Amino acid sequence: MESHPWLELRGSLLEPVGMLRDVVVSLYPRDDCRIGTARPASIGAIVGARPALEIVISWPQIDFDRVWTLALSGKLAFAHLHFTKPRYNKGLVVSASFSSELEE
């Protein structure tokens, strides 16, 4: 049996997806991040879209620790996500970044 930390981030989308504005991102650390066979290559997935857009992302352990530190210090304010258009409440997350300032 194994256990790992995870971080659940809740927020609002700047650009709505359909009629959704709320988002929940679950971030999990992984030491062995591998690219699977799904295309486009992805780091995570949209696993639900009601009542909020639910996203699960695997993140390298060292980068997870940085995001964890930002969240604990209250400085994590923005996430920049790129994903495929959700179809049947599912989709692939192609890239993600987390920061204390809005990216342009």
N, C-alpha and C. Protein backbone atom coordinates (compact mmCIF):
# COMPACT_ATOMS: atom_id res chain seq x y z
N MET A 1 0.84 -1.17 0.00
CA MET A 1 0.00 0.00 0.00
C MET A 1 0.89 1.24 0.00
N GLU A 2 0.57 2.18 -0.84
CA GLU A 2 1.33 3.41 -0.94
C GLU A 2 0.43 4.61 -0.70
N SER A 3 1.04 5.68 -0.24
CA SER A 3 0.30 6.94 -0.13
C SER A 3 1.18 8.06 -0.65
N HIS A 4 0.55 9.07 -1.23
CA HIS A 4 1.27 10.20 -1.79
C HIS A 4 0.50 11.47 -1.46
N PRO A 5 1.22 12.57 -1.35
CA PRO A 5 0.50 13.84 -1.18
C PRO A 5 -0.16 14.24 -2.49
N TRP A 6 -1.17 15.07 -2.41
CA TRP A 6 -1.79 15.64 -3.59
C TRP A 6 -2.30 17.00 -3.22
N LEU A 7 -2.46 17.83 -4.19
CA LEU A 7 -2.88 19.20 -3.98
C LEU A 7 -4.13 19.45 -4.79
N GLU A 8 -5.18 19.94 -4.13
CA GLU A 8 -6.42 20.26 -4.83
C GLU A 8 -6.55 21.76 -4.90
N LEU A 9 -6.58 22.28 -6.10
CA LEU A 9 -6.67 23.72 -6.33
C LEU A 9 -8.05 24.04 -6.88
N ARG A 10 -8.73 25.01 -6.28
CA ARG A 10 -10.07 25.42 -6.72
C ARG A 10 -10.01 26.87 -7.16
N GLY A 11 -10.72 27.17 -8.24
CA GLY A 11 -10.71 28.54 -8.72
C GLY A 11 -11.75 28.77 -9.79
N SER A 12 -11.59 29.89 -10.47
CA SER A 12 -12.49 30.29 -11.55
C SER A 12 -11.69 30.50 -12.82
N LEU A 13 -12.29 30.13 -13.94
CA LEU A 13 -11.65 30.29 -15.24
C LEU A 13 -11.81 31.73 -15.72
N LEU A 14 -10.76 32.29 -16.32
CA LEU A 14 -10.86 33.61 -16.92
C LEU A 14 -11.67 33.55 -18.21
N GLU A 15 -11.53 32.44 -18.93
CA GLU A 15 -12.32 32.20 -20.14
C GLU A 15 -13.18 30.96 -19.91
N PRO A 16 -14.49 31.10 -19.91
CA PRO A 16 -15.34 29.95 -19.62
C PRO A 16 -15.22 28.85 -20.68
N VAL A 17 -15.42 27.63 -20.26
CA VAL A 17 -15.46 26.48 -21.14
C VAL A 17 -16.93 26.07 -21.21
N GLY A 18 -17.54 26.33 -22.34
CA GLY A 18 -18.98 26.16 -22.43
C GLY A 18 -19.62 27.18 -21.50
N MET A 19 -20.38 26.71 -20.56
CA MET A 19 -20.99 27.60 -19.58
C MET A 19 -20.31 27.49 -18.22
N LEU A 20 -19.21 26.72 -18.15
CA LEU A 20 -18.52 26.48 -16.88
C LEU A 20 -17.51 27.56 -16.57
N ARG A 21 -17.49 28.01 -15.33
CA ARG A 21 -16.49 28.97 -14.87
C ARG A 21 -15.65 28.41 -13.73
N ASP A 22 -16.20 27.45 -12.97
CA ASP A 22 -15.48 26.88 -11.84
C ASP A 22 -14.57 25.75 -12.31
N VAL A 23 -13.42 25.62 -11.63
CA VAL A 23 -12.46 24.57 -11.98
C VAL A 23 -11.87 24.00 -10.69
N VAL A 24 -11.62 22.69 -10.72
CA VAL A 24 -10.94 21.99 -9.63
C VAL A 24 -9.78 21.23 -10.27
N VAL A 25 -8.55 21.54 -9.87
CA VAL A 25 -7.36 20.88 -10.40
C VAL A 25 -6.75 20.04 -9.29
N SER A 26 -6.63 18.73 -9.52
CA SER A 26 -5.97 17.83 -8.57
C SER A 26 -4.58 17.54 -9.12
N LEU A 27 -3.58 17.88 -8.35
CA LEU A 27 -2.18 17.77 -8.78
C LEU A 27 -1.51 16.66 -7.97
N TYR A 28 -0.93 15.67 -8.66
CA TYR A 28 -0.30 14.54 -8.02
C TYR A 28 1.18 14.48 -8.42
N PRO A 29 2.09 14.20 -7.45
CA PRO A 29 3.50 14.05 -7.81
C PRO A 29 3.79 12.65 -8.35
N ARG A 30 4.66 12.58 -9.34
CA ARG A 30 5.10 11.30 -9.89
C ARG A 30 6.58 11.39 -10.21
N ASP A 31 7.31 10.37 -9.82
CA ASP A 31 8.74 10.35 -10.13
C ASP A 31 9.00 9.82 -11.53
N ASP A 32 8.08 9.01 -12.04
CA ASP A 32 8.29 8.38 -13.34
C ASP A 32 7.25 8.86 -14.35
N CYS A 33 7.27 10.14 -14.65
CA CYS A 33 6.32 10.68 -15.63
C CYS A 33 6.69 10.16 -17.01
N ARG A 34 5.72 9.53 -17.67
CA ARG A 34 5.95 8.98 -19.00
C ARG A 34 4.86 9.46 -19.94
N ILE A 35 5.22 9.61 -21.17
CA ILE A 35 4.24 9.98 -22.18
C ILE A 35 3.57 8.71 -22.66
N GLY A 36 2.25 8.70 -22.62
CA GLY A 36 1.49 7.53 -23.04
C GLY A 36 1.26 7.51 -24.54
N THR A 37 0.34 6.67 -24.96
CA THR A 37 0.06 6.51 -26.38
C THR A 37 -1.01 7.47 -26.88
N ALA A 38 -1.74 8.12 -25.99
CA ALA A 38 -2.80 9.05 -26.41
C ALA A 38 -2.18 10.25 -27.13
N ARG A 39 -2.87 10.74 -28.11
CA ARG A 39 -2.41 11.91 -28.85
C ARG A 39 -3.49 12.95 -28.84
N PRO A 40 -3.15 14.19 -28.59
CA PRO A 40 -1.80 14.71 -28.37
C PRO A 40 -1.24 14.23 -27.03
N ALA A 41 0.10 14.26 -26.93
CA ALA A 41 0.76 13.86 -25.68
C ALA A 41 0.22 14.74 -24.56
N SER A 42 -0.05 14.13 -23.42
CA SER A 42 -0.69 14.89 -22.34
C SER A 42 -0.03 14.65 -21.00
N ILE A 43 -0.25 15.60 -20.09
CA ILE A 43 0.25 15.48 -18.72
C ILE A 43 -0.89 15.25 -17.75
N GLY A 44 -2.10 15.31 -18.24
CA GLY A 44 -3.27 15.13 -17.39
C GLY A 44 -4.52 14.98 -18.20
N ALA A 45 -5.66 15.01 -17.49
CA ALA A 45 -6.93 14.80 -18.17
C ALA A 45 -8.05 15.57 -17.50
N ILE A 46 -9.02 15.93 -18.30
CA ILE A 46 -10.27 16.45 -17.79
C ILE A 46 -11.12 15.21 -17.51
N VAL A 47 -11.55 15.04 -16.26
CA VAL A 47 -12.27 13.82 -15.89
C VAL A 47 -13.74 14.08 -15.60
N GLY A 48 -14.16 15.33 -15.62
CA GLY A 48 -15.56 15.65 -15.38
C GLY A 48 -15.82 17.11 -15.69
N ALA A 49 -17.09 17.42 -15.90
CA ALA A 49 -17.42 18.81 -16.24
C ALA A 49 -18.70 19.28 -15.55
N ARG A 50 -19.13 18.61 -14.53
CA ARG A 50 -20.31 19.07 -13.80
C ARG A 50 -20.11 18.84 -12.32
N PRO A 51 -20.30 19.76 -11.45
CA PRO A 51 -20.71 21.15 -11.65
C PRO A 51 -19.52 22.07 -11.99
N ALA A 52 -18.30 21.52 -11.87
CA ALA A 52 -17.10 22.30 -12.20
C ALA A 52 -16.25 21.46 -13.15
N LEU A 53 -15.36 22.11 -13.88
CA LEU A 53 -14.41 21.42 -14.72
C LEU A 53 -13.40 20.74 -13.79
N GLU A 54 -13.32 19.41 -13.83
CA GLU A 54 -12.44 18.65 -12.94
C GLU A 54 -11.25 18.14 -13.74
N ILE A 55 -10.05 18.51 -13.28
CA ILE A 55 -8.82 18.19 -14.00
C ILE A 55 -7.87 17.46 -13.07
N VAL A 56 -7.22 16.41 -13.57
CA VAL A 56 -6.21 15.66 -12.83
C VAL A 56 -4.91 15.76 -13.60
N ILE A 57 -3.82 16.13 -12.90
CA ILE A 57 -2.52 16.31 -13.55
C ILE A 57 -1.45 15.58 -12.75
N SER A 58 -0.59 14.82 -13.44
CA SER A 58 0.61 14.24 -12.83
C SER A 58 1.76 15.21 -13.05
N TRP A 59 2.52 15.46 -12.01
CA TRP A 59 3.55 16.49 -12.04
C TRP A 59 4.84 15.91 -11.50
N PRO A 60 6.00 16.22 -12.07
CA PRO A 60 7.27 15.73 -11.51
C PRO A 60 7.42 16.17 -10.05
N GLN A 61 7.97 15.29 -9.21
CA GLN A 61 8.04 15.53 -7.77
C GLN A 61 8.68 16.88 -7.42
N ILE A 62 9.79 17.23 -8.04
CA ILE A 62 10.47 18.48 -7.69
C ILE A 62 9.60 19.70 -8.04
N ASP A 63 8.90 19.64 -9.16
CA ASP A 63 8.02 20.74 -9.55
C ASP A 63 6.77 20.77 -8.67
N PHE A 64 6.28 19.60 -8.27
CA PHE A 64 5.15 19.52 -7.35
C PHE A 64 5.51 20.22 -6.03
N ASP A 65 6.73 19.99 -5.55
CA ASP A 65 7.17 20.62 -4.30
C ASP A 65 7.16 22.14 -4.42
N ARG A 66 7.52 22.66 -5.56
CA ARG A 66 7.50 24.12 -5.78
C ARG A 66 6.08 24.67 -5.76
N VAL A 67 5.16 23.97 -6.42
CA VAL A 67 3.76 24.40 -6.43
C VAL A 67 3.19 24.29 -5.02
N TRP A 68 3.53 23.23 -4.31
CA TRP A 68 3.08 23.02 -2.93
C TRP A 68 3.54 24.19 -2.06
N THR A 69 4.79 24.60 -2.21
CA THR A 69 5.33 25.71 -1.43
C THR A 69 4.61 27.01 -1.75
N LEU A 70 4.35 27.27 -3.04
CA LEU A 70 3.58 28.46 -3.41
C LEU A 70 2.20 28.45 -2.77
N ALA A 71 1.55 27.29 -2.79
CA ALA A 71 0.20 27.18 -2.21
C ALA A 71 0.24 27.40 -0.70
N LEU A 72 1.20 26.78 -0.01
CA LEU A 72 1.28 26.92 1.44
C LEU A 72 1.60 28.35 1.87
N SER A 73 2.35 29.06 1.06
CA SER A 73 2.71 30.44 1.40
C SER A 73 1.62 31.43 0.99
N GLY A 74 0.57 30.95 0.34
CA GLY A 74 -0.52 31.82 -0.08
C GLY A 74 -0.21 32.64 -1.31
N LYS A 75 0.83 32.26 -2.04
CA LYS A 75 1.23 33.02 -3.22
C LYS A 75 0.78 32.40 -4.53
N LEU A 76 0.24 31.20 -4.49
CA LEU A 76 -0.24 30.57 -5.72
C LEU A 76 -1.57 31.21 -6.10
N ALA A 77 -1.57 31.89 -7.22
CA ALA A 77 -2.77 32.65 -7.60
C ALA A 77 -3.29 32.27 -8.98
N PHE A 78 -2.43 31.76 -9.86
CA PHE A 78 -2.84 31.52 -11.24
C PHE A 78 -2.34 30.17 -11.75
N ALA A 79 -3.13 29.57 -12.61
CA ALA A 79 -2.74 28.38 -13.35
C ALA A 79 -3.03 28.67 -14.82
N HIS A 80 -2.12 28.31 -15.67
CA HIS A 80 -2.30 28.49 -17.10
C HIS A 80 -2.37 27.08 -17.71
N LEU A 81 -3.54 26.70 -18.22
CA LEU A 81 -3.76 25.35 -18.71
C LEU A 81 -4.10 25.35 -20.20
N HIS A 82 -3.54 24.41 -20.91
CA HIS A 82 -3.90 24.16 -22.31
C HIS A 82 -4.46 22.74 -22.38
N PHE A 83 -5.65 22.60 -22.95
CA PHE A 83 -6.25 21.28 -23.05
C PHE A 83 -7.07 21.16 -24.32
N THR A 84 -7.32 19.93 -24.70
CA THR A 84 -8.15 19.69 -25.87
C THR A 84 -9.60 20.04 -25.52
N LYS A 85 -10.39 20.30 -26.53
CA LYS A 85 -11.79 20.63 -26.31
C LYS A 85 -12.48 19.44 -25.66
N PRO A 86 -13.11 19.66 -24.49
CA PRO A 86 -13.78 18.54 -23.83
C PRO A 86 -14.90 17.96 -24.69
N ARG A 87 -14.93 16.65 -24.74
CA ARG A 87 -15.97 15.93 -25.48
C ARG A 87 -16.52 14.85 -24.56
N TYR A 88 -17.82 14.86 -24.35
CA TYR A 88 -18.46 13.96 -23.40
C TYR A 88 -17.83 14.10 -22.01
N ASN A 89 -17.55 15.36 -21.62
CA ASN A 89 -16.98 15.70 -20.31
C ASN A 89 -15.57 15.14 -20.09
N LYS A 90 -14.85 14.82 -21.14
CA LYS A 90 -13.48 14.30 -21.06
C LYS A 90 -12.60 15.09 -22.02
N GLY A 91 -11.31 15.17 -21.69
CA GLY A 91 -10.35 15.85 -22.55
C GLY A 91 -8.94 15.60 -22.04
N LEU A 92 -7.93 16.04 -22.78
CA LEU A 92 -6.53 15.87 -22.39
C LEU A 92 -5.91 17.22 -22.07
N VAL A 93 -5.12 17.27 -21.00
CA VAL A 93 -4.37 18.47 -20.63
C VAL A 93 -3.00 18.36 -21.27
N VAL A 94 -2.68 19.30 -22.15
CA VAL A 94 -1.44 19.25 -22.91
C VAL A 94 -0.30 19.95 -22.17
N SER A 95 -0.60 21.05 -21.47
CA SER A 95 0.43 21.74 -20.69
C SER A 95 -0.23 22.50 -19.55
N ALA A 96 0.59 22.79 -18.54
CA ALA A 96 0.10 23.54 -17.38
C ALA A 96 1.27 24.27 -16.75
N SER A 97 0.97 25.41 -16.16
CA SER A 97 1.97 26.14 -15.38
C SER A 97 1.24 26.84 -14.24
N PHE A 98 1.95 27.04 -13.16
CA PHE A 98 1.37 27.64 -11.96
C PHE A 98 2.27 28.78 -11.53
N SER A 99 1.66 29.91 -11.09
CA SER A 99 2.47 31.06 -10.71
C SER A 99 1.73 31.99 -9.77
N SER A 100 2.44 32.98 -9.30
CA SER A 100 1.84 34.00 -8.43
C SER A 100 1.38 35.21 -9.23
N GLU A 101 1.73 35.26 -10.51
CA GLU A 101 1.34 36.37 -11.36
C GLU A 101 0.68 35.85 -12.63
N LEU A 102 -0.21 36.65 -13.18
CA LEU A 102 -0.91 36.30 -14.42
C LEU A 102 0.07 36.29 -15.58
N GLU A 103 0.10 35.19 -16.33
CA GLU A 103 0.96 35.11 -17.51
C GLU A 103 0.27 35.78 -18.67
N GLU A 104 1.05 36.41 -19.52
CA GLU A 104 0.48 37.09 -20.70
C GLU A 104 0.76 36.32 -21.95
